[in-house]
Amino acid sequence: MNAVAEVAPDAVADQPVIRTERLELRPLRRSDVGLIAHYTADRRVAEGTRAIPHPLPPGAAEAFVSRAMDAERTEDVWAIDGSAGGLGEVLGIVSLTRMEDQQSELGFWVGAGFWNTGFASEAVSGLVSVNPHQARTLFAEVFQDNPGSARVLTNCGFAYLGDAESWSVARNSRVPTWTYLRRMKD
């Protein structure tokens, strides 16, 4: 899949807009709060992530968007925007968090109405092909009861690394995970 990156005039500092065949991955904007709150209020979406609480507390989506737009942010977050194809401005989120030694951790979710559409694979593939952090290695993890997200990663060239556990805020428990990596450059 070919993806093209460009820096939009209204982009969050150092965060390009990435275009794929059907999607635009763009920095978050304040107007995204409503759709993010709508999708993440779904228990199934929240329970597929480590950090989204369920029920979603008031102000959580606003705080997330504010952190994503902050110049001192630790995570770059892109909206998976399908509006060019007649879909919503936010179908989900894809993100990269910088780690040490030219490594980044990838995270993603899509609204439940967009599961099994290929949007997650297209968004992750687009982000990986541009590699905006110029990472040497990308890491990702998925909960073991979410094989669809595991397929997204393997479809995008990630290799299984091993089993682990992570805390899920929505589940209020530790959850078994599969960890993946993708070497980008040596």
N, C-alpha and C. Protein backbone atom coordinates (compact mmCIF):
# COMPACT_ATOMS: atom_id res chain seq x y z
N MET A 1 0.85 -1.17 0.00
CA MET A 1 0.00 0.00 0.00
C MET A 1 0.89 1.23 0.00
N ASN A 2 0.62 2.15 -0.86
CA ASN A 2 1.39 3.38 -0.94
C ASN A 2 0.73 4.45 -0.08
N ALA A 3 1.55 5.10 0.71
CA ALA A 3 1.07 6.21 1.53
C ALA A 3 1.94 7.41 1.24
N VAL A 4 1.36 8.58 1.31
CA VAL A 4 2.07 9.82 1.04
C VAL A 4 1.96 10.69 2.29
N ALA A 5 3.08 11.28 2.70
CA ALA A 5 3.08 12.17 3.86
C ALA A 5 3.28 13.60 3.41
N GLU A 6 2.61 14.50 4.08
CA GLU A 6 2.80 15.92 3.85
C GLU A 6 2.54 16.64 5.17
N VAL A 7 3.15 17.78 5.32
CA VAL A 7 2.91 18.58 6.52
C VAL A 7 1.86 19.62 6.16
N ALA A 8 0.72 19.53 6.80
CA ALA A 8 -0.38 20.47 6.56
C ALA A 8 -0.11 21.76 7.34
N PRO A 9 -0.59 22.89 6.84
CA PRO A 9 -0.34 24.16 7.53
C PRO A 9 -0.89 24.21 8.95
N ASP A 10 -1.98 23.48 9.23
CA ASP A 10 -2.57 23.49 10.56
C ASP A 10 -2.18 22.27 11.39
N ALA A 11 -1.18 21.53 10.93
CA ALA A 11 -0.78 20.30 11.60
C ALA A 11 -0.14 20.58 12.96
N VAL A 12 -0.26 19.60 13.83
CA VAL A 12 0.44 19.64 15.10
C VAL A 12 1.93 19.58 14.76
N ALA A 13 2.75 20.32 15.49
CA ALA A 13 4.18 20.41 15.20
C ALA A 13 4.80 19.04 14.98
N ASP A 14 5.56 18.92 13.91
CA ASP A 14 6.32 17.71 13.58
C ASP A 14 5.45 16.48 13.38
N GLN A 15 4.22 16.64 12.99
CA GLN A 15 3.35 15.50 12.78
C GLN A 15 2.71 15.62 11.40
N PRO A 16 3.15 14.79 10.45
CA PRO A 16 2.64 14.92 9.09
C PRO A 16 1.22 14.38 8.93
N VAL A 17 0.56 14.84 7.88
CA VAL A 17 -0.68 14.23 7.42
C VAL A 17 -0.28 13.13 6.46
N ILE A 18 -0.86 11.95 6.62
CA ILE A 18 -0.52 10.79 5.80
C ILE A 18 -1.76 10.36 5.04
N ARG A 19 -1.63 10.27 3.72
CA ARG A 19 -2.76 9.87 2.88
C ARG A 19 -2.55 8.45 2.36
N THR A 20 -3.61 7.66 2.47
CA THR A 20 -3.61 6.31 1.91
C THR A 20 -4.71 6.27 0.84
N GLU A 21 -4.98 5.11 0.32
CA GLU A 21 -5.98 5.01 -0.74
C GLU A 21 -7.35 5.55 -0.34
N ARG A 22 -7.84 5.17 0.86
CA ARG A 22 -9.18 5.57 1.29
C ARG A 22 -9.20 6.51 2.48
N LEU A 23 -8.05 6.75 3.09
CA LEU A 23 -8.01 7.44 4.37
C LEU A 23 -7.01 8.59 4.39
N GLU A 24 -7.21 9.47 5.35
CA GLU A 24 -6.23 10.48 5.69
C GLU A 24 -5.94 10.32 7.18
N LEU A 25 -4.68 10.14 7.51
CA LEU A 25 -4.26 10.12 8.91
C LEU A 25 -3.78 11.53 9.21
N ARG A 26 -4.47 12.19 10.13
CA ARG A 26 -4.15 13.59 10.40
C ARG A 26 -4.10 13.82 11.91
N PRO A 27 -3.35 14.84 12.32
CA PRO A 27 -3.33 15.17 13.75
C PRO A 27 -4.75 15.47 14.25
N LEU A 28 -4.97 15.21 15.51
CA LEU A 28 -6.28 15.49 16.09
C LEU A 28 -6.54 16.98 16.13
N ARG A 29 -7.83 17.32 16.14
CA ARG A 29 -8.27 18.70 16.31
C ARG A 29 -9.43 18.68 17.32
N ARG A 30 -9.72 19.82 17.89
CA ARG A 30 -10.75 19.91 18.94
C ARG A 30 -12.10 19.36 18.48
N SER A 31 -12.43 19.53 17.21
CA SER A 31 -13.72 19.07 16.71
C SER A 31 -13.84 17.54 16.68
N ASP A 32 -12.76 16.81 16.96
CA ASP A 32 -12.79 15.34 16.99
C ASP A 32 -13.33 14.78 18.30
N VAL A 33 -13.45 15.62 19.31
CA VAL A 33 -13.83 15.16 20.65
C VAL A 33 -15.12 14.34 20.64
N GLY A 34 -16.16 14.84 19.96
CA GLY A 34 -17.46 14.16 19.99
C GLY A 34 -17.41 12.74 19.43
N LEU A 35 -16.77 12.56 18.28
CA LEU A 35 -16.70 11.21 17.70
C LEU A 35 -15.80 10.29 18.52
N ILE A 36 -14.70 10.82 19.04
CA ILE A 36 -13.84 10.01 19.90
C ILE A 36 -14.61 9.56 21.13
N ALA A 37 -15.35 10.47 21.76
CA ALA A 37 -16.15 10.11 22.93
C ALA A 37 -17.21 9.08 22.56
N HIS A 38 -17.83 9.26 21.41
CA HIS A 38 -18.88 8.32 20.96
C HIS A 38 -18.32 6.91 20.81
N TYR A 39 -17.22 6.76 20.07
CA TYR A 39 -16.67 5.42 19.81
C TYR A 39 -16.08 4.80 21.07
N THR A 40 -15.38 5.59 21.88
CA THR A 40 -14.71 5.01 23.05
C THR A 40 -15.67 4.75 24.20
N ALA A 41 -16.90 5.27 24.13
CA ALA A 41 -17.91 4.94 25.14
C ALA A 41 -18.42 3.51 24.96
N ASP A 42 -18.14 2.90 23.82
CA ASP A 42 -18.52 1.51 23.55
C ASP A 42 -17.60 0.59 24.35
N ARG A 43 -18.17 -0.21 25.21
CA ARG A 43 -17.39 -1.11 26.06
C ARG A 43 -16.43 -1.97 25.24
N ARG A 44 -16.86 -2.45 24.08
CA ARG A 44 -16.01 -3.33 23.27
C ARG A 44 -14.75 -2.61 22.79
N VAL A 45 -14.87 -1.35 22.44
CA VAL A 45 -13.70 -0.57 22.02
C VAL A 45 -12.80 -0.34 23.22
N ALA A 46 -13.37 0.13 24.33
CA ALA A 46 -12.58 0.42 25.53
C ALA A 46 -11.84 -0.82 26.02
N GLU A 47 -12.52 -1.96 26.04
CA GLU A 47 -11.89 -3.18 26.55
C GLU A 47 -10.83 -3.75 25.61
N GLY A 48 -10.73 -3.21 24.40
CA GLY A 48 -9.67 -3.62 23.47
C GLY A 48 -8.40 -2.81 23.64
N THR A 49 -8.42 -1.84 24.58
CA THR A 49 -7.26 -0.97 24.80
C THR A 49 -6.78 -1.07 26.24
N ARG A 50 -5.57 -0.57 26.45
CA ARG A 50 -5.04 -0.51 27.81
C ARG A 50 -5.59 0.68 28.58
N ALA A 51 -5.79 1.82 27.91
CA ALA A 51 -5.95 3.08 28.64
C ALA A 51 -7.34 3.70 28.62
N ILE A 52 -8.25 3.22 27.78
CA ILE A 52 -9.56 3.85 27.73
C ILE A 52 -10.44 3.27 28.84
N PRO A 53 -10.95 4.11 29.74
CA PRO A 53 -11.81 3.62 30.81
C PRO A 53 -13.23 3.35 30.32
N HIS A 54 -13.92 2.48 31.03
CA HIS A 54 -15.35 2.28 30.77
C HIS A 54 -16.07 2.16 32.10
N PRO A 55 -17.10 2.93 32.35
CA PRO A 55 -17.64 3.94 31.44
C PRO A 55 -16.67 5.11 31.27
N LEU A 56 -16.78 5.78 30.14
CA LEU A 56 -15.92 6.92 29.83
C LEU A 56 -16.34 8.10 30.71
N PRO A 57 -15.43 8.60 31.55
CA PRO A 57 -15.81 9.72 32.42
C PRO A 57 -15.96 11.03 31.64
N PRO A 58 -16.77 11.93 32.16
CA PRO A 58 -16.91 13.25 31.52
C PRO A 58 -15.54 13.92 31.37
N GLY A 59 -15.31 14.50 30.22
CA GLY A 59 -14.06 15.22 29.98
C GLY A 59 -12.90 14.37 29.51
N ALA A 60 -13.05 13.03 29.49
CA ALA A 60 -11.92 12.17 29.11
C ALA A 60 -11.50 12.38 27.66
N ALA A 61 -12.46 12.47 26.75
CA ALA A 61 -12.12 12.67 25.33
C ALA A 61 -11.48 14.04 25.12
N GLU A 62 -11.99 15.07 25.80
CA GLU A 62 -11.41 16.40 25.69
C GLU A 62 -9.96 16.40 26.18
N ALA A 63 -9.71 15.73 27.30
CA ALA A 63 -8.36 15.67 27.85
C ALA A 63 -7.42 14.92 26.90
N PHE A 64 -7.90 13.83 26.28
CA PHE A 64 -7.10 13.06 25.33
C PHE A 64 -6.71 13.94 24.14
N VAL A 65 -7.66 14.66 23.58
CA VAL A 65 -7.38 15.52 22.42
C VAL A 65 -6.41 16.64 22.82
N SER A 66 -6.59 17.21 23.99
CA SER A 66 -5.68 18.27 24.46
C SER A 66 -4.26 17.75 24.59
N ARG A 67 -4.10 16.55 25.16
CA ARG A 67 -2.75 15.95 25.28
C ARG A 67 -2.14 15.71 23.90
N ALA A 68 -2.96 15.23 22.96
CA ALA A 68 -2.47 14.93 21.62
C ALA A 68 -2.03 16.19 20.87
N MET A 69 -2.62 17.34 21.21
CA MET A 69 -2.31 18.59 20.53
C MET A 69 -1.21 19.39 21.24
N ASP A 70 -0.81 18.95 22.42
CA ASP A 70 0.18 19.67 23.22
C ASP A 70 1.57 19.58 22.58
N ALA A 71 2.27 20.68 22.53
CA ALA A 71 3.63 20.70 21.96
C ALA A 71 4.58 19.81 22.75
N GLU A 72 4.29 19.55 24.02
CA GLU A 72 5.15 18.72 24.87
C GLU A 72 4.64 17.28 24.97
N ARG A 73 3.83 16.85 24.02
CA ARG A 73 3.23 15.52 24.08
C ARG A 73 4.29 14.41 24.02
N THR A 74 3.94 13.26 24.55
CA THR A 74 4.82 12.09 24.51
C THR A 74 4.36 11.08 23.47
N GLU A 75 3.19 11.32 22.89
CA GLU A 75 2.60 10.40 21.93
C GLU A 75 2.07 11.21 20.75
N ASP A 76 2.37 10.77 19.53
CA ASP A 76 1.79 11.38 18.34
C ASP A 76 0.55 10.59 17.99
N VAL A 77 -0.59 11.28 17.86
CA VAL A 77 -1.88 10.64 17.62
C VAL A 77 -2.47 11.17 16.32
N TRP A 78 -2.94 10.26 15.48
CA TRP A 78 -3.58 10.61 14.23
C TRP A 78 -5.02 10.13 14.24
N ALA A 79 -5.92 10.97 13.75
CA ALA A 79 -7.29 10.54 13.49
C ALA A 79 -7.27 9.74 12.19
N ILE A 80 -7.99 8.63 12.17
CA ILE A 80 -8.20 7.89 10.93
C ILE A 80 -9.44 8.52 10.31
N ASP A 81 -9.21 9.37 9.33
CA ASP A 81 -10.25 10.23 8.76
C ASP A 81 -10.70 9.64 7.42
N GLY A 82 -11.98 9.32 7.30
CA GLY A 82 -12.54 8.76 6.08
C GLY A 82 -13.41 9.73 5.32
N SER A 83 -13.37 11.01 5.68
CA SER A 83 -14.30 11.97 5.08
C SER A 83 -14.11 12.15 3.58
N ALA A 84 -12.91 11.96 3.06
CA ALA A 84 -12.70 12.09 1.61
C ALA A 84 -13.50 11.04 0.84
N GLY A 85 -13.78 9.92 1.48
CA GLY A 85 -14.56 8.85 0.86
C GLY A 85 -16.01 8.84 1.31
N GLY A 86 -16.48 9.92 1.90
CA GLY A 86 -17.87 10.02 2.32
C GLY A 86 -18.16 9.41 3.67
N LEU A 87 -17.13 9.06 4.41
CA LEU A 87 -17.30 8.50 5.76
C LEU A 87 -17.02 9.59 6.79
N GLY A 88 -16.99 9.20 8.05
CA GLY A 88 -16.79 10.15 9.13
C GLY A 88 -15.39 10.72 9.18
N GLU A 89 -15.28 11.86 9.86
CA GLU A 89 -13.98 12.50 10.05
C GLU A 89 -13.09 11.72 11.01
N VAL A 90 -13.68 10.89 11.85
CA VAL A 90 -12.91 10.03 12.74
C VAL A 90 -13.52 8.64 12.69
N LEU A 91 -12.75 7.68 12.19
CA LEU A 91 -13.17 6.28 12.20
C LEU A 91 -12.47 5.54 13.33
N GLY A 92 -11.38 6.12 13.80
CA GLY A 92 -10.57 5.52 14.85
C GLY A 92 -9.31 6.36 15.05
N ILE A 93 -8.35 5.77 15.72
CA ILE A 93 -7.11 6.44 16.10
C ILE A 93 -5.95 5.50 15.83
N VAL A 94 -4.84 6.07 15.40
CA VAL A 94 -3.57 5.34 15.33
C VAL A 94 -2.52 6.25 15.96
N SER A 95 -1.59 5.66 16.71
CA SER A 95 -0.64 6.49 17.45
C SER A 95 0.74 5.86 17.50
N LEU A 96 1.73 6.70 17.75
CA LEU A 96 3.11 6.27 17.98
C LEU A 96 3.62 6.96 19.24
N THR A 97 4.21 6.19 20.12
CA THR A 97 4.84 6.72 21.32
C THR A 97 6.33 6.46 21.23
N ARG A 98 7.12 7.51 21.35
CA ARG A 98 8.58 7.34 21.27
C ARG A 98 9.08 6.58 22.49
N MET A 99 10.01 5.68 22.21
CA MET A 99 10.70 4.93 23.25
C MET A 99 12.18 5.27 23.11
N GLU A 100 13.01 4.69 23.90
CA GLU A 100 14.44 4.96 23.79
C GLU A 100 15.03 4.23 22.59
N ASP A 101 16.21 4.65 22.18
CA ASP A 101 17.01 3.98 21.16
C ASP A 101 16.30 3.81 19.82
N GLN A 102 15.70 4.90 19.30
CA GLN A 102 15.03 4.92 17.99
C GLN A 102 13.95 3.85 17.86
N GLN A 103 13.17 3.69 18.91
CA GLN A 103 12.07 2.74 18.90
C GLN A 103 10.77 3.49 19.22
N SER A 104 9.67 2.99 18.67
CA SER A 104 8.36 3.57 18.96
C SER A 104 7.36 2.44 19.16
N GLU A 105 6.34 2.74 19.96
CA GLU A 105 5.26 1.78 20.17
C GLU A 105 4.03 2.26 19.42
N LEU A 106 3.45 1.38 18.64
CA LEU A 106 2.26 1.68 17.85
C LEU A 106 1.02 1.24 18.61
N GLY A 107 -0.01 2.06 18.54
CA GLY A 107 -1.31 1.70 19.10
C GLY A 107 -2.40 2.10 18.12
N PHE A 108 -3.55 1.44 18.18
CA PHE A 108 -4.65 1.79 17.28
C PHE A 108 -5.95 1.22 17.80
N TRP A 109 -7.04 1.86 17.41
CA TRP A 109 -8.38 1.33 17.59
C TRP A 109 -9.26 1.94 16.52
N VAL A 110 -10.32 1.24 16.15
CA VAL A 110 -11.34 1.78 15.25
C VAL A 110 -12.69 1.57 15.91
N GLY A 111 -13.63 2.45 15.57
CA GLY A 111 -14.98 2.31 16.08
C GLY A 111 -15.56 0.97 15.66
N ALA A 112 -16.41 0.39 16.52
CA ALA A 112 -16.94 -0.95 16.27
C ALA A 112 -17.68 -1.06 14.94
N GLY A 113 -18.30 0.00 14.48
CA GLY A 113 -19.00 -0.03 13.20
C GLY A 113 -18.07 -0.16 12.00
N PHE A 114 -16.77 -0.01 12.24
CA PHE A 114 -15.79 -0.09 11.15
C PHE A 114 -14.89 -1.31 11.26
N TRP A 115 -15.21 -2.22 12.16
CA TRP A 115 -14.44 -3.45 12.27
C TRP A 115 -14.63 -4.29 11.00
N ASN A 116 -13.60 -5.01 10.64
CA ASN A 116 -13.61 -5.91 9.48
C ASN A 116 -13.84 -5.19 8.16
N THR A 117 -13.37 -3.95 8.07
CA THR A 117 -13.48 -3.18 6.82
C THR A 117 -12.12 -2.97 6.16
N GLY A 118 -11.05 -3.32 6.86
CA GLY A 118 -9.71 -3.06 6.36
C GLY A 118 -9.17 -1.69 6.71
N PHE A 119 -9.98 -0.85 7.38
CA PHE A 119 -9.51 0.49 7.72
C PHE A 119 -8.34 0.46 8.70
N ALA A 120 -8.38 -0.40 9.69
CA ALA A 120 -7.27 -0.48 10.66
C ALA A 120 -5.99 -0.91 9.95
N SER A 121 -6.07 -1.93 9.11
CA SER A 121 -4.87 -2.39 8.38
C SER A 121 -4.34 -1.29 7.47
N GLU A 122 -5.23 -0.57 6.79
CA GLU A 122 -4.80 0.49 5.90
C GLU A 122 -4.14 1.63 6.67
N ALA A 123 -4.71 1.99 7.81
CA ALA A 123 -4.14 3.07 8.62
C ALA A 123 -2.78 2.68 9.18
N VAL A 124 -2.69 1.48 9.74
CA VAL A 124 -1.41 1.03 10.31
C VAL A 124 -0.36 0.91 9.20
N SER A 125 -0.74 0.34 8.07
CA SER A 125 0.19 0.20 6.95
C SER A 125 0.68 1.56 6.47
N GLY A 126 -0.22 2.53 6.38
CA GLY A 126 0.17 3.87 5.96
C GLY A 126 1.14 4.52 6.92
N LEU A 127 0.86 4.39 8.21
CA LEU A 127 1.75 4.96 9.22
C LEU A 127 3.12 4.29 9.18
N VAL A 128 3.12 2.97 9.07
CA VAL A 128 4.37 2.22 9.03
C VAL A 128 5.19 2.60 7.79
N SER A 129 4.53 2.74 6.65
CA SER A 129 5.28 3.02 5.42
C SER A 129 5.94 4.40 5.45
N VAL A 130 5.32 5.35 6.14
CA VAL A 130 5.91 6.69 6.25
C VAL A 130 6.95 6.74 7.37
N ASN A 131 6.72 5.98 8.44
CA ASN A 131 7.64 5.92 9.59
C ASN A 131 8.01 7.32 10.08
N PRO A 132 7.02 8.10 10.52
CA PRO A 132 7.28 9.51 10.87
C PRO A 132 8.26 9.70 12.02
N HIS A 133 8.45 8.73 12.86
CA HIS A 133 9.45 8.85 13.94
C HIS A 133 10.83 8.43 13.47
N GLN A 134 10.92 7.95 12.23
CA GLN A 134 12.19 7.41 11.73
C GLN A 134 12.72 6.35 12.70
N ALA A 135 11.80 5.53 13.19
CA ALA A 135 12.13 4.50 14.17
C ALA A 135 12.91 3.37 13.50
N ARG A 136 13.80 2.81 14.27
CA ARG A 136 14.54 1.62 13.84
C ARG A 136 13.67 0.38 14.04
N THR A 137 12.85 0.42 15.10
CA THR A 137 11.99 -0.71 15.44
C THR A 137 10.66 -0.17 15.96
N LEU A 138 9.57 -0.81 15.52
CA LEU A 138 8.24 -0.52 16.05
C LEU A 138 7.77 -1.72 16.86
N PHE A 139 7.14 -1.44 17.98
CA PHE A 139 6.55 -2.47 18.82
C PHE A 139 5.05 -2.24 18.88
N ALA A 140 4.31 -3.30 19.13
CA ALA A 140 2.87 -3.20 19.35
C ALA A 140 2.44 -4.40 20.16
N GLU A 141 1.32 -4.27 20.84
CA GLU A 141 0.76 -5.40 21.56
C GLU A 141 -0.75 -5.38 21.42
N VAL A 142 -1.33 -6.56 21.48
CA VAL A 142 -2.79 -6.69 21.44
C VAL A 142 -3.20 -7.70 22.51
N PHE A 143 -4.40 -7.54 23.00
CA PHE A 143 -4.91 -8.52 23.95
C PHE A 143 -5.18 -9.83 23.21
N GLN A 144 -4.90 -10.93 23.88
CA GLN A 144 -5.02 -12.23 23.24
C GLN A 144 -6.46 -12.59 22.85
N ASP A 145 -7.43 -11.93 23.43
CA ASP A 145 -8.82 -12.19 23.03
C ASP A 145 -9.26 -11.27 21.89
N ASN A 146 -8.29 -10.65 21.20
CA ASN A 146 -8.58 -9.76 20.08
C ASN A 146 -7.75 -10.19 18.85
N PRO A 147 -8.07 -11.35 18.28
CA PRO A 147 -7.27 -11.83 17.14
C PRO A 147 -7.38 -10.94 15.91
N GLY A 148 -8.45 -10.16 15.77
CA GLY A 148 -8.57 -9.24 14.64
C GLY A 148 -7.46 -8.20 14.64
N SER A 149 -7.14 -7.66 15.81
CA SER A 149 -6.05 -6.69 15.90
C SER A 149 -4.70 -7.35 15.66
N ALA A 150 -4.56 -8.60 16.07
CA ALA A 150 -3.32 -9.33 15.78
C ALA A 150 -3.15 -9.49 14.27
N ARG A 151 -4.24 -9.77 13.56
CA ARG A 151 -4.17 -9.89 12.09
C ARG A 151 -3.77 -8.56 11.45
N VAL A 152 -4.27 -7.45 11.99
CA VAL A 152 -3.86 -6.14 11.47
C VAL A 152 -2.34 -6.03 11.52
N LEU A 153 -1.76 -6.38 12.66
CA LEU A 153 -0.31 -6.26 12.81
C LEU A 153 0.44 -7.19 11.87
N THR A 154 0.03 -8.45 11.79
CA THR A 154 0.75 -9.37 10.90
C THR A 154 0.56 -8.98 9.43
N ASN A 155 -0.62 -8.47 9.08
CA ASN A 155 -0.86 -7.98 7.72
C ASN A 155 0.08 -6.82 7.37
N CYS A 156 0.52 -6.10 8.38
CA CYS A 156 1.38 -4.92 8.17
C CYS A 156 2.86 -5.23 8.43
N GLY A 157 3.21 -6.50 8.44
CA GLY A 157 4.62 -6.87 8.52
C GLY A 157 5.20 -7.01 9.90
N PHE A 158 4.37 -6.99 10.94
CA PHE A 158 4.86 -7.19 12.30
C PHE A 158 5.04 -8.68 12.55
N ALA A 159 6.06 -9.02 13.32
CA ALA A 159 6.34 -10.41 13.66
C ALA A 159 6.05 -10.63 15.15
N TYR A 160 5.50 -11.78 15.45
CA TYR A 160 5.19 -12.14 16.83
C TYR A 160 6.49 -12.22 17.63
N LEU A 161 6.50 -11.61 18.80
CA LEU A 161 7.67 -11.59 19.66
C LEU A 161 7.49 -12.47 20.89
N GLY A 162 6.30 -12.45 21.48
CA GLY A 162 6.07 -13.26 22.67
C GLY A 162 4.81 -12.85 23.40
N ASP A 163 4.54 -13.57 24.48
CA ASP A 163 3.38 -13.32 25.32
C ASP A 163 3.78 -12.44 26.50
N ALA A 164 2.84 -11.66 26.97
CA ALA A 164 3.06 -10.81 28.14
C ALA A 164 1.70 -10.53 28.77
N GLU A 165 1.65 -9.53 29.62
CA GLU A 165 0.40 -9.06 30.22
C GLU A 165 0.44 -7.55 30.28
N SER A 166 -0.72 -6.93 30.16
CA SER A 166 -0.85 -5.49 30.34
C SER A 166 -2.12 -5.21 31.13
N TRP A 167 -2.12 -4.08 31.80
CA TRP A 167 -3.28 -3.65 32.55
C TRP A 167 -4.29 -3.03 31.60
N SER A 168 -5.54 -3.36 31.76
CA SER A 168 -6.64 -2.74 31.03
C SER A 168 -7.47 -1.93 32.02
N VAL A 169 -7.53 -0.63 31.80
CA VAL A 169 -8.31 0.24 32.67
C VAL A 169 -9.79 -0.15 32.61
N ALA A 170 -10.31 -0.39 31.41
CA ALA A 170 -11.74 -0.72 31.25
C ALA A 170 -12.09 -2.04 31.93
N ARG A 171 -11.18 -2.98 31.90
CA ARG A 171 -11.45 -4.29 32.50
C ARG A 171 -11.05 -4.34 33.98
N ASN A 172 -10.27 -3.34 34.41
CA ASN A 172 -9.78 -3.28 35.78
C ASN A 172 -9.03 -4.57 36.15
N SER A 173 -8.20 -5.03 35.18
CA SER A 173 -7.43 -6.25 35.42
C SER A 173 -6.28 -6.35 34.44
N ARG A 174 -5.38 -7.27 34.77
CA ARG A 174 -4.29 -7.61 33.85
C ARG A 174 -4.86 -8.55 32.80
N VAL A 175 -4.41 -8.37 31.57
CA VAL A 175 -4.93 -9.14 30.45
C VAL A 175 -3.75 -9.72 29.67
N PRO A 176 -3.80 -11.00 29.31
CA PRO A 176 -2.72 -11.58 28.49
C PRO A 176 -2.63 -10.89 27.13
N THR A 177 -1.40 -10.64 26.69
CA THR A 177 -1.18 -9.96 25.42
C THR A 177 -0.24 -10.77 24.53
N TRP A 178 -0.30 -10.45 23.25
CA TRP A 178 0.71 -10.89 22.28
C TRP A 178 1.49 -9.64 21.92
N THR A 179 2.80 -9.74 21.92
CA THR A 179 3.67 -8.62 21.59
C THR A 179 4.28 -8.86 20.21
N TYR A 180 4.35 -7.78 19.43
CA TYR A 180 4.86 -7.83 18.06
C TYR A 180 5.92 -6.77 17.85
N LEU A 181 6.78 -7.01 16.86
CA LEU A 181 7.74 -5.98 16.47
C LEU A 181 7.90 -5.97 14.97
N ARG A 182 8.32 -4.82 14.51
CA ARG A 182 8.65 -4.68 13.09
C ARG A 182 9.93 -3.90 13.01
N ARG A 183 10.95 -4.50 12.43
CA ARG A 183 12.21 -3.82 12.21
C ARG A 183 12.05 -2.93 10.99
N MET A 184 12.38 -1.67 11.17
CA MET A 184 12.22 -0.70 10.08
C MET A 184 13.54 -0.45 9.35
N LYS A 185 14.62 -0.43 10.10
CA LYS A 185 15.95 -0.23 9.52
C LYS A 185 16.99 -0.72 10.51
N ASP A 186 18.15 -1.02 10.03
CA ASP A 186 19.23 -1.49 10.91
C ASP A 186 20.14 -0.37 11.31
